[in-house]
Amino acid sequence: MKELLSLLVRISGSPNELIPISHSEYQNLVSDIWKNIPYQEEVREEYLGKVRRFIEEATYIRMLKALKGYRIPENSFDKEVLLAVQKLLKIYNDIMRGKIMLNSEGETVVKVLKNIVANKEFLGVKKIPSRLHTRDIILMPIDKAIPLYLLGIVSFESNT
C-alpha cells in the first residue's frame, strides 16, 4: 500500500498537471498491492476496500485532468487511455454543439480513413457494407462509429 499512497500524494500534489506514471511505477504499484493482501478475511476485505477507494480516487483525478485538457505526458503508462478520454469528450462536445449531427436513429456521417473488411456482427447494420474503402462517406450508428474513430479508421464529417 506504500506505493499506492505515494502515488496518491504525487497525483494530489500537482493540481495543474498530469504527472507521468512510468510502466515500472505501475508494475511496482500493482505488485505492492497484491503482495500486501492480508491473509485474515476481515482484514483482507478492509484492505481491499481501501485500495479500491484509493485507486478510484487516483483514477478520478487523472481523468478529470485529462478532461480539462491537461497535456498528457508521453512516458506515462496510461497515455493511450487518457488520450481516448480526451477524444471522447471532443466527440461529445461536437455532437452537443451540432458540429456532428445525429439523425433520429442515432446515426452520423463518417469518412473512412483506412480500407477495412468489417465483421457484419460488429457493424450490426445491414445498410453498412462489410468492405469499407478509404474516402468512402457513409451513414453509421454513433455506437459503431466511436470505436472506429478511436482506432483511426473513420473520422466524423462535421456540419461546419
N, C-alpha and C. Protein backbone atom coordinates (compact mmCIF):
# COMPACT_ATOMS: atom_id res chain seq x y z
N MET A 1 0.83 -1.19 0.00
CA MET A 1 0.00 0.00 0.00
C MET A 1 0.88 1.25 0.00
N LYS A 2 2.15 1.07 0.33
CA LYS A 2 3.10 2.18 0.36
C LYS A 2 3.19 2.84 -1.01
N GLU A 3 3.27 2.05 -2.07
CA GLU A 3 3.37 2.58 -3.44
C GLU A 3 2.12 3.36 -3.80
N LEU A 4 0.97 2.84 -3.42
CA LEU A 4 -0.31 3.48 -3.74
C LEU A 4 -0.43 4.82 -3.03
N LEU A 5 -0.10 4.86 -1.77
CA LEU A 5 -0.18 6.12 -1.03
C LEU A 5 0.81 7.14 -1.58
N SER A 6 1.99 6.69 -1.94
CA SER A 6 2.99 7.57 -2.54
C SER A 6 2.48 8.15 -3.85
N LEU A 7 1.86 7.32 -4.67
CA LEU A 7 1.30 7.77 -5.94
C LEU A 7 0.17 8.77 -5.72
N LEU A 8 -0.71 8.50 -4.77
CA LEU A 8 -1.80 9.42 -4.47
C LEU A 8 -1.28 10.79 -4.03
N VAL A 9 -0.23 10.79 -3.22
CA VAL A 9 0.35 12.05 -2.77
C VAL A 9 0.91 12.82 -3.97
N ARG A 10 1.61 12.12 -4.86
CA ARG A 10 2.18 12.77 -6.06
C ARG A 10 1.08 13.32 -6.96
N ILE A 11 0.03 12.55 -7.18
CA ILE A 11 -1.07 12.97 -8.06
C ILE A 11 -1.79 14.17 -7.45
N SER A 12 -2.08 14.10 -6.16
CA SER A 12 -2.82 15.17 -5.49
C SER A 12 -1.97 16.42 -5.33
N GLY A 13 -0.67 16.26 -5.22
CA GLY A 13 0.23 17.39 -5.01
C GLY A 13 0.52 18.19 -6.25
N SER A 14 0.04 17.76 -7.39
CA SER A 14 0.28 18.51 -8.63
C SER A 14 -1.06 18.88 -9.26
N PRO A 15 -1.72 19.92 -8.73
CA PRO A 15 -3.07 20.24 -9.17
C PRO A 15 -3.18 20.73 -10.61
N ASN A 16 -2.10 21.25 -11.18
CA ASN A 16 -2.17 21.86 -12.51
C ASN A 16 -1.47 21.07 -13.60
N GLU A 17 -1.20 19.80 -13.33
CA GLU A 17 -0.56 18.98 -14.36
C GLU A 17 -0.89 17.51 -14.16
N LEU A 18 -0.74 16.77 -15.24
CA LEU A 18 -0.88 15.32 -15.18
C LEU A 18 0.53 14.76 -15.04
N ILE A 19 0.81 14.20 -13.90
CA ILE A 19 2.16 13.67 -13.70
C ILE A 19 2.31 12.35 -14.46
N PRO A 20 3.48 12.10 -15.00
CA PRO A 20 3.69 10.82 -15.68
C PRO A 20 3.81 9.68 -14.67
N ILE A 21 3.26 8.55 -15.03
CA ILE A 21 3.43 7.34 -14.22
C ILE A 21 4.09 6.33 -15.16
N SER A 22 5.34 6.01 -14.87
CA SER A 22 6.07 5.10 -15.75
C SER A 22 5.51 3.69 -15.63
N HIS A 23 5.84 2.87 -16.61
CA HIS A 23 5.38 1.49 -16.59
C HIS A 23 5.95 0.75 -15.37
N SER A 24 7.19 1.04 -15.02
CA SER A 24 7.78 0.37 -13.84
C SER A 24 7.08 0.82 -12.55
N GLU A 25 6.68 2.10 -12.45
CA GLU A 25 5.92 2.56 -11.29
C GLU A 25 4.58 1.83 -11.21
N TYR A 26 3.95 1.69 -12.37
CA TYR A 26 2.67 0.97 -12.43
C TYR A 26 2.85 -0.47 -11.97
N GLN A 27 3.89 -1.14 -12.48
CA GLN A 27 4.14 -2.53 -12.08
C GLN A 27 4.43 -2.63 -10.58
N ASN A 28 5.21 -1.69 -10.06
CA ASN A 28 5.51 -1.68 -8.61
C ASN A 28 4.24 -1.48 -7.80
N LEU A 29 3.36 -0.61 -8.28
CA LEU A 29 2.10 -0.35 -7.60
C LEU A 29 1.26 -1.62 -7.52
N VAL A 30 1.06 -2.27 -8.65
CA VAL A 30 0.25 -3.49 -8.68
C VAL A 30 0.89 -4.58 -7.83
N SER A 31 2.19 -4.73 -7.94
CA SER A 31 2.91 -5.74 -7.15
C SER A 31 2.76 -5.46 -5.65
N ASP A 32 2.93 -4.19 -5.27
CA ASP A 32 2.81 -3.81 -3.86
C ASP A 32 1.42 -4.10 -3.31
N ILE A 33 0.41 -3.80 -4.12
CA ILE A 33 -0.98 -4.06 -3.68
C ILE A 33 -1.18 -5.55 -3.43
N TRP A 34 -0.78 -6.38 -4.39
CA TRP A 34 -1.06 -7.81 -4.30
C TRP A 34 -0.20 -8.54 -3.27
N LYS A 35 1.03 -8.12 -3.10
CA LYS A 35 1.87 -8.83 -2.13
C LYS A 35 1.53 -8.46 -0.68
N ASN A 36 0.78 -7.38 -0.49
CA ASN A 36 0.42 -6.96 0.86
C ASN A 36 -1.00 -7.32 1.26
N ILE A 37 -1.66 -8.13 0.49
CA ILE A 37 -3.02 -8.55 0.85
C ILE A 37 -2.94 -9.43 2.09
N PRO A 38 -3.63 -9.03 3.16
CA PRO A 38 -3.61 -9.83 4.40
C PRO A 38 -4.30 -11.18 4.23
N TYR A 39 -3.90 -12.13 5.04
CA TYR A 39 -4.49 -13.47 4.98
C TYR A 39 -5.82 -13.55 5.71
N GLN A 40 -5.97 -12.80 6.80
CA GLN A 40 -7.22 -12.84 7.57
C GLN A 40 -8.34 -12.18 6.76
N GLU A 41 -9.45 -12.87 6.65
CA GLU A 41 -10.53 -12.43 5.77
C GLU A 41 -11.07 -11.05 6.13
N GLU A 42 -11.29 -10.77 7.43
CA GLU A 42 -11.84 -9.48 7.83
C GLU A 42 -10.88 -8.35 7.47
N VAL A 43 -9.61 -8.54 7.72
CA VAL A 43 -8.60 -7.53 7.44
C VAL A 43 -8.41 -7.39 5.93
N ARG A 44 -8.47 -8.52 5.23
CA ARG A 44 -8.30 -8.52 3.77
C ARG A 44 -9.39 -7.68 3.11
N GLU A 45 -10.63 -7.87 3.53
CA GLU A 45 -11.73 -7.11 2.93
C GLU A 45 -11.60 -5.62 3.19
N GLU A 46 -11.17 -5.26 4.39
CA GLU A 46 -10.96 -3.84 4.71
C GLU A 46 -9.82 -3.27 3.86
N TYR A 47 -8.73 -4.02 3.76
CA TYR A 47 -7.57 -3.60 2.95
C TYR A 47 -7.98 -3.40 1.49
N LEU A 48 -8.67 -4.39 0.92
CA LEU A 48 -9.07 -4.30 -0.49
C LEU A 48 -10.07 -3.16 -0.71
N GLY A 49 -10.92 -2.89 0.27
CA GLY A 49 -11.84 -1.76 0.17
C GLY A 49 -11.10 -0.43 0.12
N LYS A 50 -10.09 -0.30 0.99
CA LYS A 50 -9.29 0.94 0.99
C LYS A 50 -8.51 1.07 -0.31
N VAL A 51 -7.93 -0.02 -0.78
CA VAL A 51 -7.19 0.00 -2.04
C VAL A 51 -8.11 0.43 -3.17
N ARG A 52 -9.30 -0.13 -3.22
CA ARG A 52 -10.27 0.20 -4.27
C ARG A 52 -10.60 1.69 -4.24
N ARG A 53 -10.85 2.23 -3.04
CA ARG A 53 -11.18 3.65 -2.91
C ARG A 53 -10.01 4.54 -3.34
N PHE A 54 -8.79 4.17 -2.94
CA PHE A 54 -7.62 4.96 -3.32
C PHE A 54 -7.38 4.93 -4.83
N ILE A 55 -7.54 3.75 -5.43
CA ILE A 55 -7.37 3.62 -6.88
C ILE A 55 -8.44 4.43 -7.61
N GLU A 56 -9.68 4.36 -7.13
CA GLU A 56 -10.76 5.14 -7.75
C GLU A 56 -10.46 6.63 -7.65
N GLU A 57 -9.93 7.07 -6.53
CA GLU A 57 -9.59 8.49 -6.35
C GLU A 57 -8.48 8.90 -7.32
N ALA A 58 -7.45 8.09 -7.43
CA ALA A 58 -6.35 8.40 -8.36
C ALA A 58 -6.86 8.42 -9.80
N THR A 59 -7.71 7.46 -10.15
CA THR A 59 -8.27 7.39 -11.50
C THR A 59 -9.13 8.61 -11.77
N TYR A 60 -9.96 8.96 -10.83
CA TYR A 60 -10.85 10.11 -10.97
C TYR A 60 -10.06 11.40 -11.19
N ILE A 61 -9.02 11.60 -10.39
CA ILE A 61 -8.18 12.80 -10.51
C ILE A 61 -7.54 12.85 -11.90
N ARG A 62 -6.99 11.73 -12.35
CA ARG A 62 -6.32 11.70 -13.65
C ARG A 62 -7.31 11.92 -14.79
N MET A 63 -8.48 11.32 -14.71
CA MET A 63 -9.50 11.50 -15.75
C MET A 63 -9.96 12.96 -15.80
N LEU A 64 -10.20 13.58 -14.64
CA LEU A 64 -10.62 14.98 -14.63
C LEU A 64 -9.57 15.88 -15.27
N LYS A 65 -8.32 15.63 -14.97
CA LYS A 65 -7.25 16.43 -15.56
C LYS A 65 -7.20 16.23 -17.07
N ALA A 66 -7.40 15.01 -17.52
CA ALA A 66 -7.43 14.75 -18.97
C ALA A 66 -8.63 15.45 -19.59
N LEU A 67 -9.79 15.39 -18.93
CA LEU A 67 -10.99 16.05 -19.44
C LEU A 67 -10.83 17.57 -19.49
N LYS A 68 -10.06 18.10 -18.56
CA LYS A 68 -9.81 19.55 -18.56
C LYS A 68 -8.80 19.94 -19.63
N GLY A 69 -8.22 18.96 -20.30
CA GLY A 69 -7.31 19.26 -21.41
C GLY A 69 -5.85 19.39 -21.02
N TYR A 70 -5.49 18.93 -19.84
CA TYR A 70 -4.08 18.99 -19.46
C TYR A 70 -3.26 18.13 -20.40
N ARG A 71 -2.03 18.55 -20.63
CA ARG A 71 -1.13 17.81 -21.50
C ARG A 71 -0.85 16.44 -20.88
N ILE A 72 -0.97 15.41 -21.71
CA ILE A 72 -0.73 14.04 -21.25
C ILE A 72 0.74 13.71 -21.49
N PRO A 73 1.46 13.32 -20.44
CA PRO A 73 2.88 13.03 -20.59
C PRO A 73 3.12 11.85 -21.54
N GLU A 74 4.12 11.99 -22.39
CA GLU A 74 4.45 10.94 -23.36
C GLU A 74 4.84 9.62 -22.69
N ASN A 75 5.53 9.70 -21.57
CA ASN A 75 6.09 8.50 -20.95
C ASN A 75 5.21 7.91 -19.85
N SER A 76 3.91 8.22 -19.87
CA SER A 76 3.02 7.68 -18.86
C SER A 76 2.38 6.39 -19.37
N PHE A 77 2.28 5.40 -18.50
CA PHE A 77 1.75 4.09 -18.91
C PHE A 77 0.30 4.18 -19.39
N ASP A 78 -0.46 5.17 -18.92
CA ASP A 78 -1.88 5.29 -19.25
C ASP A 78 -2.16 6.34 -20.32
N LYS A 79 -1.14 6.72 -21.06
CA LYS A 79 -1.27 7.77 -22.08
C LYS A 79 -2.41 7.48 -23.06
N GLU A 80 -2.49 6.27 -23.59
CA GLU A 80 -3.50 5.94 -24.60
C GLU A 80 -4.92 6.01 -24.05
N VAL A 81 -5.09 5.60 -22.81
CA VAL A 81 -6.42 5.67 -22.19
C VAL A 81 -6.84 7.13 -22.01
N LEU A 82 -5.92 7.95 -21.51
CA LEU A 82 -6.24 9.36 -21.28
C LEU A 82 -6.48 10.10 -22.60
N LEU A 83 -5.73 9.76 -23.65
CA LEU A 83 -5.97 10.36 -24.97
C LEU A 83 -7.36 9.97 -25.49
N ALA A 84 -7.75 8.72 -25.28
CA ALA A 84 -9.09 8.28 -25.71
C ALA A 84 -10.17 9.05 -24.96
N VAL A 85 -9.96 9.31 -23.68
CA VAL A 85 -10.93 10.09 -22.90
C VAL A 85 -11.05 11.49 -23.50
N GLN A 86 -9.93 12.10 -23.84
CA GLN A 86 -9.98 13.44 -24.44
C GLN A 86 -10.70 13.42 -25.80
N LYS A 87 -10.46 12.38 -26.59
CA LYS A 87 -11.13 12.26 -27.89
C LYS A 87 -12.64 12.07 -27.70
N LEU A 88 -13.03 11.27 -26.73
CA LEU A 88 -14.46 11.06 -26.46
C LEU A 88 -15.14 12.37 -26.04
N LEU A 89 -14.47 13.15 -25.23
CA LEU A 89 -15.02 14.44 -24.81
C LEU A 89 -15.18 15.36 -26.02
N LYS A 90 -14.21 15.36 -26.91
CA LYS A 90 -14.29 16.20 -28.11
C LYS A 90 -15.48 15.78 -28.97
N ILE A 91 -15.67 14.48 -29.17
CA ILE A 91 -16.81 14.00 -29.94
C ILE A 91 -18.12 14.46 -29.30
N TYR A 92 -18.22 14.28 -28.00
CA TYR A 92 -19.44 14.64 -27.29
C TYR A 92 -19.71 16.14 -27.41
N ASN A 93 -18.67 16.96 -27.23
CA ASN A 93 -18.82 18.40 -27.40
C ASN A 93 -19.29 18.74 -28.81
N ASP A 94 -18.69 18.10 -29.81
CA ASP A 94 -19.07 18.36 -31.21
C ASP A 94 -20.52 17.95 -31.48
N ILE A 95 -20.97 16.88 -30.87
CA ILE A 95 -22.37 16.46 -31.02
C ILE A 95 -23.29 17.49 -30.36
N MET A 96 -22.97 17.88 -29.15
CA MET A 96 -23.82 18.83 -28.42
C MET A 96 -23.86 20.21 -29.09
N ARG A 97 -22.77 20.60 -29.75
CA ARG A 97 -22.71 21.89 -30.44
C ARG A 97 -23.33 21.82 -31.83
N GLY A 98 -23.66 20.62 -32.29
CA GLY A 98 -24.25 20.47 -33.61
C GLY A 98 -23.21 20.39 -34.72
N LYS A 99 -21.96 20.28 -34.34
CA LYS A 99 -20.89 20.13 -35.35
C LYS A 99 -20.95 18.74 -35.97
N ILE A 100 -21.26 17.74 -35.15
CA ILE A 100 -21.54 16.38 -35.62
C ILE A 100 -23.03 16.17 -35.38
N MET A 101 -23.74 15.86 -36.45
CA MET A 101 -25.19 15.70 -36.35
C MET A 101 -25.55 14.22 -36.26
N LEU A 102 -26.58 13.93 -35.47
CA LEU A 102 -27.13 12.59 -35.37
C LEU A 102 -28.56 12.62 -35.91
N ASN A 103 -28.94 11.61 -36.68
CA ASN A 103 -30.33 11.54 -37.12
C ASN A 103 -31.17 10.88 -36.02
N SER A 104 -32.44 10.70 -36.26
CA SER A 104 -33.34 10.17 -35.23
C SER A 104 -33.02 8.72 -34.85
N GLU A 105 -32.26 8.01 -35.70
CA GLU A 105 -31.84 6.63 -35.37
C GLU A 105 -30.48 6.60 -34.69
N GLY A 106 -29.89 7.76 -34.40
CA GLY A 106 -28.58 7.81 -33.75
C GLY A 106 -27.43 7.56 -34.70
N GLU A 107 -27.64 7.85 -35.98
CA GLU A 107 -26.59 7.66 -36.98
C GLU A 107 -25.95 8.99 -37.32
N THR A 108 -24.70 8.92 -37.77
CA THR A 108 -23.97 10.11 -38.17
C THR A 108 -23.15 9.79 -39.43
N VAL A 109 -22.69 10.84 -40.09
CA VAL A 109 -21.89 10.68 -41.30
C VAL A 109 -20.42 10.57 -40.92
N VAL A 110 -19.76 9.53 -41.44
CA VAL A 110 -18.33 9.34 -41.20
C VAL A 110 -17.61 9.17 -42.53
N LYS A 111 -16.32 9.51 -42.50
CA LYS A 111 -15.47 9.31 -43.66
C LYS A 111 -14.48 8.21 -43.32
N VAL A 112 -14.35 7.23 -44.19
CA VAL A 112 -13.45 6.10 -43.97
C VAL A 112 -12.02 6.56 -44.28
N LEU A 113 -11.11 6.33 -43.34
CA LEU A 113 -9.71 6.74 -43.49
C LEU A 113 -8.81 5.59 -43.91
N LYS A 114 -9.24 4.36 -43.65
CA LYS A 114 -8.42 3.18 -43.96
C LYS A 114 -9.32 2.09 -44.54
N ASN A 115 -8.82 1.37 -45.52
CA ASN A 115 -9.55 0.23 -46.06
C ASN A 115 -9.69 -0.83 -44.98
N ILE A 116 -10.89 -1.34 -44.80
CA ILE A 116 -11.09 -2.44 -43.85
C ILE A 116 -12.18 -3.37 -44.36
N VAL A 117 -12.09 -4.60 -43.90
CA VAL A 117 -13.18 -5.55 -44.08
C VAL A 117 -13.72 -5.77 -42.67
N ALA A 118 -14.95 -5.31 -42.47
CA ALA A 118 -15.54 -5.35 -41.13
C ALA A 118 -16.42 -6.57 -40.95
N ASN A 119 -16.43 -7.07 -39.76
CA ASN A 119 -17.28 -8.17 -39.37
C ASN A 119 -18.73 -7.67 -39.31
N LYS A 120 -19.63 -8.32 -40.00
CA LYS A 120 -21.04 -7.91 -40.02
C LYS A 120 -21.64 -7.88 -38.61
N GLU A 121 -21.22 -8.80 -37.74
CA GLU A 121 -21.74 -8.81 -36.38
C GLU A 121 -21.29 -7.56 -35.62
N PHE A 122 -20.07 -7.10 -35.90
CA PHE A 122 -19.59 -5.88 -35.24
C PHE A 122 -20.40 -4.68 -35.71
N LEU A 123 -20.55 -4.55 -37.01
CA LEU A 123 -21.29 -3.40 -37.54
C LEU A 123 -22.76 -3.48 -37.17
N GLY A 124 -23.32 -4.69 -37.24
CA GLY A 124 -24.69 -4.91 -36.79
C GLY A 124 -25.76 -4.18 -37.59
N VAL A 125 -25.39 -3.63 -38.71
CA VAL A 125 -26.35 -2.88 -39.51
C VAL A 125 -26.23 -3.36 -40.95
N LYS A 126 -27.34 -3.78 -41.51
CA LYS A 126 -27.32 -4.32 -42.87
C LYS A 126 -27.00 -3.26 -43.92
N LYS A 127 -27.29 -1.99 -43.61
CA LYS A 127 -27.06 -0.90 -44.57
C LYS A 127 -25.57 -0.63 -44.79
N ILE A 128 -24.72 -0.99 -43.83
CA ILE A 128 -23.29 -0.69 -43.95
C ILE A 128 -22.59 -1.85 -44.65
N PRO A 129 -21.88 -1.55 -45.74
CA PRO A 129 -21.16 -2.63 -46.42
C PRO A 129 -20.05 -3.17 -45.52
N SER A 130 -19.72 -4.46 -45.67
CA SER A 130 -18.68 -5.04 -44.83
C SER A 130 -17.29 -4.62 -45.31
N ARG A 131 -17.17 -4.21 -46.54
CA ARG A 131 -15.89 -3.75 -47.08
C ARG A 131 -15.95 -2.22 -47.19
N LEU A 132 -15.10 -1.55 -46.38
CA LEU A 132 -15.07 -0.09 -46.39
C LEU A 132 -13.77 0.37 -47.05
N HIS A 133 -13.87 1.35 -47.91
CA HIS A 133 -12.71 1.83 -48.66
C HIS A 133 -12.37 3.26 -48.26
N THR A 134 -11.09 3.56 -48.30
CA THR A 134 -10.62 4.91 -47.98
C THR A 134 -11.39 5.94 -48.79
N ARG A 135 -11.79 7.00 -48.11
CA ARG A 135 -12.54 8.13 -48.65
C ARG A 135 -14.03 7.85 -48.84
N ASP A 136 -14.52 6.64 -48.53
CA ASP A 136 -15.97 6.40 -48.54
C ASP A 136 -16.61 7.29 -47.48
N ILE A 137 -17.77 7.79 -47.77
CA ILE A 137 -18.54 8.55 -46.79
C ILE A 137 -19.84 7.79 -46.60
N ILE A 138 -20.08 7.38 -45.35
CA ILE A 138 -21.25 6.54 -45.07
C ILE A 138 -21.97 7.02 -43.82
N LEU A 139 -23.20 6.59 -43.69
CA LEU A 139 -24.01 6.84 -42.52
C LEU A 139 -23.85 5.64 -41.58
N MET A 140 -23.49 5.90 -40.33
CA MET A 140 -23.18 4.82 -39.39
C MET A 140 -23.73 5.15 -38.01
N PRO A 141 -24.22 4.15 -37.27
CA PRO A 141 -24.65 4.40 -35.89
C PRO A 141 -23.48 4.92 -35.05
N ILE A 142 -23.75 5.88 -34.20
CA ILE A 142 -22.69 6.50 -33.40
C ILE A 142 -21.96 5.48 -32.53
N ASP A 143 -22.68 4.47 -32.02
CA ASP A 143 -22.03 3.47 -31.16
C ASP A 143 -21.04 2.60 -31.94
N LYS A 144 -21.21 2.49 -33.25
CA LYS A 144 -20.26 1.76 -34.09
C LYS A 144 -19.15 2.68 -34.57
N ALA A 145 -19.47 3.97 -34.78
CA ALA A 145 -18.51 4.94 -35.29
C ALA A 145 -17.44 5.30 -34.25
N ILE A 146 -17.83 5.40 -32.98
CA ILE A 146 -16.89 5.83 -31.94
C ILE A 146 -15.68 4.89 -31.83
N PRO A 147 -15.86 3.57 -31.71
CA PRO A 147 -14.66 2.71 -31.62
C PRO A 147 -13.80 2.79 -32.89
N LEU A 148 -14.44 2.91 -34.05
CA LEU A 148 -13.68 3.01 -35.29
C LEU A 148 -12.91 4.34 -35.34
N TYR A 149 -13.49 5.38 -34.80
CA TYR A 149 -12.82 6.68 -34.70
C TYR A 149 -11.60 6.57 -33.78
N LEU A 150 -11.78 5.95 -32.63
CA LEU A 150 -10.67 5.80 -31.68
C LEU A 150 -9.54 4.97 -32.27
N LEU A 151 -9.87 4.05 -33.17
CA LEU A 151 -8.86 3.23 -33.83
C LEU A 151 -8.25 3.92 -35.05
N GLY A 152 -8.76 5.10 -35.40
CA GLY A 152 -8.22 5.84 -36.54
C GLY A 152 -8.72 5.33 -37.88
N ILE A 153 -9.83 4.61 -37.89
CA ILE A 153 -10.37 4.04 -39.12
C ILE A 153 -11.35 4.98 -39.80
N VAL A 154 -12.09 5.77 -39.02
CA VAL A 154 -13.03 6.73 -39.58
C VAL A 154 -12.81 8.10 -38.92
N SER A 155 -13.31 9.12 -39.59
CA SER A 155 -13.37 10.46 -38.98
C SER A 155 -14.81 10.91 -39.11
N PHE A 156 -15.20 11.84 -38.25
CA PHE A 156 -16.55 12.37 -38.30
C PHE A 156 -16.60 13.52 -39.28
N GLU A 157 -17.60 13.53 -40.10
CA GLU A 157 -17.80 14.63 -41.02
C GLU A 157 -18.60 15.69 -40.28
N SER A 158 -18.00 16.85 -40.15
CA SER A 158 -18.65 17.90 -39.37
C SER A 158 -19.67 18.66 -40.18
N ASN A 159 -20.55 19.29 -39.46
CA ASN A 159 -21.63 20.07 -40.03
C ASN A 159 -21.15 21.45 -40.45
N THR A 160 -19.95 21.82 -40.01
CA THR A 160 -19.42 23.16 -40.34
C THR A 160 -18.15 23.07 -41.12
